[in-house]
Amino acid sequence: MLQPFSGACHCGAERFSVKCDPSYSVQCDCSMCRRRNSIMLRCDESDFDIASGREILTEYSFNTGVAIHYFCSICGCYTFHRMRKLPDKFAINAGCIDNLDMAALHPILIGGAKN
C-alpha cells in the first residue's frame, strides 16, 4: 500500500516527497549498491518529487549508464537513483526518509551485479 513520506539528504539542502510501499524494500548487489549498503524503497517516477535542492544534486552513472545515482553535492549523501532494470522507477534511500521505522524493513536482495 502506497504511503506518503518526506525526506532529505543529511544537510537538508535537498528535500523530497515520495509515495511508496514500505512493506517492500530491497538491497541490490551491484558494485555501487554493495559499497554503500543502502536499503531502498521503490516508487514510480510520478510518485517522487524533489521539493528543493535539485540544483545541488550530483549525478553518477557507470557501466550501461541507465542507472543514474543522485548525491547531494554539499553533504555527499546518496538519496535516490533511477533504476537500471526498471528505468521508469526510482529507488529511494530508506535512510533519507523522515519518520520511517528502519527496523520494520525486511529488504530482499535483488541481483544487479553482472556475472
N, C-alpha and C. Protein backbone atom coordinates (compact mmCIF):
# COMPACT_ATOMS: atom_id res chain seq x y z
N MET A 1 0.83 -1.17 0.00
CA MET A 1 0.00 0.00 0.00
C MET A 1 0.88 1.25 0.00
N LEU A 2 0.66 2.14 -0.95
CA LEU A 2 1.45 3.36 -1.05
C LEU A 2 1.14 4.29 0.11
N GLN A 3 2.21 4.85 0.67
CA GLN A 3 2.09 5.80 1.76
C GLN A 3 2.92 7.04 1.41
N PRO A 4 2.47 8.23 1.80
CA PRO A 4 3.26 9.43 1.54
C PRO A 4 4.34 9.63 2.61
N PHE A 5 5.51 10.04 2.16
CA PHE A 5 6.63 10.34 3.04
C PHE A 5 7.33 11.60 2.54
N SER A 6 8.09 12.20 3.43
CA SER A 6 9.01 13.25 3.04
C SER A 6 10.40 12.78 3.44
N GLY A 7 11.40 13.44 2.89
CA GLY A 7 12.76 13.05 3.21
C GLY A 7 13.75 14.11 2.79
N ALA A 8 15.02 13.85 3.11
CA ALA A 8 16.07 14.82 2.82
C ALA A 8 17.43 14.15 2.85
N CYS A 9 18.39 14.85 2.28
CA CYS A 9 19.78 14.44 2.42
C CYS A 9 20.22 14.77 3.86
N HIS A 10 21.46 14.49 4.20
CA HIS A 10 21.94 14.71 5.57
C HIS A 10 21.91 16.18 5.97
N CYS A 11 22.32 17.09 5.09
CA CYS A 11 22.38 18.51 5.45
C CYS A 11 21.05 19.22 5.25
N GLY A 12 20.10 18.57 4.57
CA GLY A 12 18.78 19.16 4.37
C GLY A 12 18.66 20.07 3.16
N ALA A 13 19.74 20.22 2.39
CA ALA A 13 19.68 21.08 1.21
C ALA A 13 18.76 20.51 0.13
N GLU A 14 18.68 19.18 0.08
CA GLU A 14 17.74 18.52 -0.84
C GLU A 14 16.60 17.96 -0.01
N ARG A 15 15.37 18.29 -0.39
CA ARG A 15 14.18 17.75 0.26
C ARG A 15 13.30 17.16 -0.81
N PHE A 16 12.59 16.08 -0.46
CA PHE A 16 11.73 15.42 -1.44
C PHE A 16 10.49 14.87 -0.77
N SER A 17 9.50 14.55 -1.60
CA SER A 17 8.32 13.81 -1.15
C SER A 17 8.20 12.58 -2.04
N VAL A 18 7.67 11.52 -1.46
CA VAL A 18 7.57 10.26 -2.19
C VAL A 18 6.36 9.48 -1.69
N LYS A 19 5.73 8.75 -2.59
CA LYS A 19 4.71 7.78 -2.23
C LYS A 19 5.30 6.42 -2.55
N CYS A 20 5.39 5.55 -1.55
CA CYS A 20 5.98 4.23 -1.75
C CYS A 20 5.38 3.26 -0.75
N ASP A 21 5.68 1.99 -0.94
CA ASP A 21 5.19 0.93 -0.08
C ASP A 21 6.33 0.44 0.80
N PRO A 22 6.36 0.83 2.08
CA PRO A 22 7.47 0.41 2.94
C PRO A 22 7.50 -1.08 3.26
N SER A 23 6.45 -1.81 2.90
CA SER A 23 6.48 -3.25 3.13
C SER A 23 7.35 -3.97 2.10
N TYR A 24 7.76 -3.26 1.04
CA TYR A 24 8.63 -3.85 0.02
C TYR A 24 9.90 -3.00 -0.09
N SER A 25 10.97 -3.51 0.48
CA SER A 25 12.26 -2.83 0.41
C SER A 25 13.28 -3.80 -0.19
N VAL A 26 14.33 -3.21 -0.77
CA VAL A 26 15.33 -4.02 -1.47
C VAL A 26 16.74 -3.58 -1.11
N GLN A 27 17.67 -4.50 -1.30
CA GLN A 27 19.09 -4.22 -1.31
C GLN A 27 19.63 -4.84 -2.59
N CYS A 28 20.44 -4.10 -3.29
CA CYS A 28 20.98 -4.54 -4.57
C CYS A 28 22.42 -4.99 -4.38
N ASP A 29 22.85 -5.96 -5.19
CA ASP A 29 24.22 -6.46 -5.06
C ASP A 29 25.16 -5.95 -6.15
N CYS A 30 24.76 -4.88 -6.87
CA CYS A 30 25.68 -4.32 -7.86
C CYS A 30 26.87 -3.69 -7.12
N SER A 31 27.93 -3.38 -7.84
CA SER A 31 29.14 -2.86 -7.21
C SER A 31 28.90 -1.55 -6.46
N MET A 32 28.03 -0.71 -6.95
CA MET A 32 27.74 0.57 -6.30
C MET A 32 26.91 0.37 -5.03
N CYS A 33 25.80 -0.33 -5.16
CA CYS A 33 24.90 -0.54 -4.01
C CYS A 33 25.56 -1.36 -2.91
N ARG A 34 26.36 -2.33 -3.31
CA ARG A 34 27.05 -3.17 -2.32
C ARG A 34 27.97 -2.30 -1.46
N ARG A 35 28.63 -1.34 -2.07
CA ARG A 35 29.56 -0.50 -1.33
C ARG A 35 28.86 0.50 -0.41
N ARG A 36 27.70 0.98 -0.80
CA ARG A 36 27.02 1.95 0.07
C ARG A 36 26.04 1.27 1.02
N ASN A 37 25.68 0.01 0.75
CA ASN A 37 24.88 -0.82 1.65
C ASN A 37 23.54 -0.18 2.03
N SER A 38 22.88 0.42 1.07
CA SER A 38 21.60 1.08 1.34
C SER A 38 20.43 0.12 1.22
N ILE A 39 19.43 0.37 2.04
CA ILE A 39 18.12 -0.25 1.85
C ILE A 39 17.30 0.77 1.06
N MET A 40 16.61 0.30 0.04
CA MET A 40 15.90 1.21 -0.85
C MET A 40 14.43 0.84 -0.95
N LEU A 41 13.61 1.86 -1.13
CA LEU A 41 12.19 1.70 -1.40
C LEU A 41 11.94 2.16 -2.83
N ARG A 42 11.16 1.40 -3.57
CA ARG A 42 10.86 1.74 -4.97
C ARG A 42 9.65 2.65 -5.07
N CYS A 43 9.67 3.47 -6.12
CA CYS A 43 8.50 4.27 -6.44
C CYS A 43 8.46 4.54 -7.93
N ASP A 44 7.27 4.81 -8.42
CA ASP A 44 7.13 5.26 -9.80
C ASP A 44 7.66 6.67 -9.91
N GLU A 45 8.13 7.03 -11.08
CA GLU A 45 8.64 8.37 -11.30
C GLU A 45 7.60 9.43 -10.93
N SER A 46 6.33 9.15 -11.21
CA SER A 46 5.25 10.11 -10.92
C SER A 46 4.96 10.25 -9.42
N ASP A 47 5.49 9.34 -8.60
CA ASP A 47 5.26 9.39 -7.16
C ASP A 47 6.44 9.98 -6.39
N PHE A 48 7.36 10.61 -7.10
CA PHE A 48 8.55 11.19 -6.49
C PHE A 48 8.69 12.64 -6.93
N ASP A 49 8.90 13.53 -5.96
CA ASP A 49 9.04 14.94 -6.29
C ASP A 49 10.15 15.56 -5.45
N ILE A 50 11.09 16.22 -6.12
CA ILE A 50 12.14 16.94 -5.42
C ILE A 50 11.58 18.32 -5.09
N ALA A 51 11.39 18.58 -3.81
CA ALA A 51 10.79 19.83 -3.36
C ALA A 51 11.79 20.98 -3.38
N SER A 52 13.04 20.68 -3.04
CA SER A 52 14.09 21.71 -3.05
C SER A 52 15.44 21.04 -3.20
N GLY A 53 16.38 21.78 -3.77
CA GLY A 53 17.76 21.30 -3.88
C GLY A 53 18.11 20.59 -5.16
N ARG A 54 17.25 20.59 -6.14
CA ARG A 54 17.56 19.92 -7.41
C ARG A 54 18.90 20.41 -7.98
N GLU A 55 19.16 21.70 -7.83
CA GLU A 55 20.37 22.29 -8.40
C GLU A 55 21.65 21.84 -7.72
N ILE A 56 21.58 21.29 -6.51
CA ILE A 56 22.79 20.86 -5.82
C ILE A 56 23.04 19.35 -5.96
N LEU A 57 22.18 18.65 -6.70
CA LEU A 57 22.36 17.21 -6.89
C LEU A 57 23.48 16.94 -7.88
N THR A 58 24.26 15.94 -7.59
CA THR A 58 25.32 15.45 -8.47
C THR A 58 24.90 14.08 -8.95
N GLU A 59 25.10 13.82 -10.24
CA GLU A 59 24.73 12.53 -10.84
C GLU A 59 25.97 11.67 -11.03
N TYR A 60 25.77 10.36 -10.88
CA TYR A 60 26.83 9.40 -11.16
C TYR A 60 26.21 8.19 -11.83
N SER A 61 26.78 7.77 -12.94
CA SER A 61 26.35 6.54 -13.59
C SER A 61 27.59 5.79 -14.05
N PHE A 62 27.43 4.50 -14.29
CA PHE A 62 28.55 3.66 -14.70
C PHE A 62 28.01 2.51 -15.53
N ASN A 63 28.87 1.70 -16.06
CA ASN A 63 28.52 0.51 -16.83
C ASN A 63 27.59 0.88 -17.98
N THR A 64 26.32 0.49 -17.95
CA THR A 64 25.42 0.76 -19.07
C THR A 64 24.96 2.21 -19.11
N GLY A 65 25.10 2.96 -18.02
CA GLY A 65 24.70 4.35 -17.96
C GLY A 65 23.20 4.55 -17.78
N VAL A 66 22.44 3.48 -17.65
CA VAL A 66 20.99 3.60 -17.48
C VAL A 66 20.65 4.03 -16.06
N ALA A 67 21.24 3.38 -15.08
CA ALA A 67 21.02 3.77 -13.68
C ALA A 67 21.76 5.07 -13.43
N ILE A 68 21.06 6.03 -12.86
CA ILE A 68 21.68 7.31 -12.51
C ILE A 68 21.50 7.50 -11.01
N HIS A 69 22.62 7.60 -10.31
CA HIS A 69 22.62 7.75 -8.86
C HIS A 69 22.78 9.23 -8.52
N TYR A 70 21.99 9.71 -7.57
CA TYR A 70 21.99 11.13 -7.22
C TYR A 70 22.51 11.33 -5.80
N PHE A 71 23.40 12.31 -5.65
CA PHE A 71 24.05 12.63 -4.39
C PHE A 71 23.95 14.12 -4.14
N CYS A 72 23.85 14.51 -2.89
CA CYS A 72 23.91 15.92 -2.53
C CYS A 72 25.36 16.37 -2.70
N SER A 73 25.58 17.45 -3.44
CA SER A 73 26.94 17.94 -3.66
C SER A 73 27.49 18.66 -2.43
N ILE A 74 26.65 18.92 -1.44
CA ILE A 74 27.11 19.58 -0.22
C ILE A 74 27.55 18.56 0.82
N CYS A 75 26.67 17.62 1.17
CA CYS A 75 27.00 16.65 2.23
C CYS A 75 27.43 15.28 1.69
N GLY A 76 27.22 15.05 0.39
CA GLY A 76 27.64 13.79 -0.22
C GLY A 76 26.67 12.63 -0.05
N CYS A 77 25.53 12.88 0.55
CA CYS A 77 24.56 11.82 0.85
C CYS A 77 23.89 11.30 -0.43
N TYR A 78 23.85 9.98 -0.58
CA TYR A 78 23.09 9.34 -1.66
C TYR A 78 21.63 9.34 -1.25
N THR A 79 20.75 9.92 -2.08
CA THR A 79 19.34 9.98 -1.72
C THR A 79 18.46 9.08 -2.58
N PHE A 80 18.79 8.93 -3.88
CA PHE A 80 17.96 8.10 -4.75
C PHE A 80 18.70 7.80 -6.04
N HIS A 81 18.13 6.86 -6.81
CA HIS A 81 18.65 6.62 -8.16
C HIS A 81 17.55 6.12 -9.08
N ARG A 82 17.76 6.39 -10.36
CA ARG A 82 16.90 5.82 -11.40
C ARG A 82 17.41 4.41 -11.62
N MET A 83 16.49 3.45 -11.63
CA MET A 83 16.88 2.05 -11.69
C MET A 83 17.26 1.59 -13.10
N ARG A 84 18.25 0.72 -13.17
CA ARG A 84 18.70 0.17 -14.46
C ARG A 84 17.67 -0.81 -15.03
N LYS A 85 17.23 -1.74 -14.21
CA LYS A 85 16.30 -2.77 -14.71
C LYS A 85 14.88 -2.25 -14.90
N LEU A 86 14.53 -1.20 -14.16
CA LEU A 86 13.20 -0.59 -14.25
C LEU A 86 13.41 0.92 -14.39
N PRO A 87 13.81 1.40 -15.57
CA PRO A 87 14.19 2.82 -15.70
C PRO A 87 13.05 3.81 -15.53
N ASP A 88 11.82 3.35 -15.42
CA ASP A 88 10.70 4.25 -15.14
C ASP A 88 10.44 4.37 -13.64
N LYS A 89 11.32 3.78 -12.83
CA LYS A 89 11.17 3.80 -11.38
C LYS A 89 12.41 4.38 -10.72
N PHE A 90 12.20 4.89 -9.51
CA PHE A 90 13.30 5.35 -8.68
C PHE A 90 13.43 4.44 -7.48
N ALA A 91 14.64 4.31 -6.98
CA ALA A 91 14.90 3.65 -5.71
C ALA A 91 15.34 4.73 -4.74
N ILE A 92 14.64 4.85 -3.64
CA ILE A 92 14.88 5.91 -2.67
C ILE A 92 15.63 5.32 -1.48
N ASN A 93 16.67 5.99 -1.04
CA ASN A 93 17.44 5.55 0.12
C ASN A 93 16.53 5.65 1.36
N ALA A 94 16.17 4.51 1.92
CA ALA A 94 15.25 4.47 3.06
C ALA A 94 15.78 5.27 4.24
N GLY A 95 17.09 5.34 4.39
CA GLY A 95 17.69 6.10 5.48
C GLY A 95 17.48 7.60 5.37
N CYS A 96 17.07 8.07 4.21
CA CYS A 96 16.80 9.50 3.99
C CYS A 96 15.34 9.86 4.16
N ILE A 97 14.49 8.88 4.43
CA ILE A 97 13.06 9.13 4.57
C ILE A 97 12.73 9.45 6.02
N ASP A 98 12.07 10.58 6.23
CA ASP A 98 11.71 11.03 7.58
C ASP A 98 10.73 10.06 8.23
N ASN A 99 10.93 9.81 9.50
CA ASN A 99 10.00 9.05 10.35
C ASN A 99 9.68 7.65 9.82
N LEU A 100 10.63 7.04 9.15
CA LEU A 100 10.46 5.66 8.68
C LEU A 100 11.13 4.73 9.69
N ASP A 101 10.41 3.72 10.13
CA ASP A 101 10.95 2.74 11.07
C ASP A 101 11.85 1.77 10.32
N MET A 102 13.14 2.04 10.33
CA MET A 102 14.09 1.20 9.60
C MET A 102 14.10 -0.24 10.12
N ALA A 103 13.85 -0.43 11.39
CA ALA A 103 13.84 -1.78 11.97
C ALA A 103 12.69 -2.61 11.44
N ALA A 104 11.66 -1.97 10.92
CA ALA A 104 10.50 -2.70 10.39
C ALA A 104 10.71 -3.16 8.95
N LEU A 105 11.77 -2.71 8.32
CA LEU A 105 12.03 -3.09 6.93
C LEU A 105 12.68 -4.47 6.86
N HIS A 106 12.29 -5.24 5.87
CA HIS A 106 12.87 -6.57 5.65
C HIS A 106 13.24 -6.67 4.17
N PRO A 107 14.39 -6.05 3.82
CA PRO A 107 14.74 -5.97 2.40
C PRO A 107 15.05 -7.33 1.79
N ILE A 108 14.68 -7.45 0.51
CA ILE A 108 15.07 -8.62 -0.25
C ILE A 108 16.27 -8.24 -1.10
N LEU A 109 17.12 -9.21 -1.38
CA LEU A 109 18.30 -8.98 -2.21
C LEU A 109 17.89 -9.09 -3.67
N ILE A 110 18.20 -8.05 -4.45
CA ILE A 110 17.93 -8.10 -5.88
C ILE A 110 19.26 -8.14 -6.61
N GLY A 111 19.29 -8.87 -7.69
CA GLY A 111 20.52 -9.03 -8.46
C GLY A 111 20.76 -7.89 -9.41
N GLY A 112 21.75 -7.10 -9.13
CA GLY A 112 22.17 -6.03 -10.02
C GLY A 112 23.55 -6.27 -10.58
N ALA A 113 24.28 -7.19 -9.95
CA ALA A 113 25.64 -7.48 -10.40
C ALA A 113 25.59 -8.34 -11.65
N LYS A 114 26.49 -8.07 -12.55
CA LYS A 114 26.60 -8.90 -13.75
C LYS A 114 27.60 -10.01 -13.47
N ASN A 115 27.21 -11.21 -13.76
CA ASN A 115 28.11 -12.36 -13.55
C ASN A 115 28.74 -12.77 -14.84
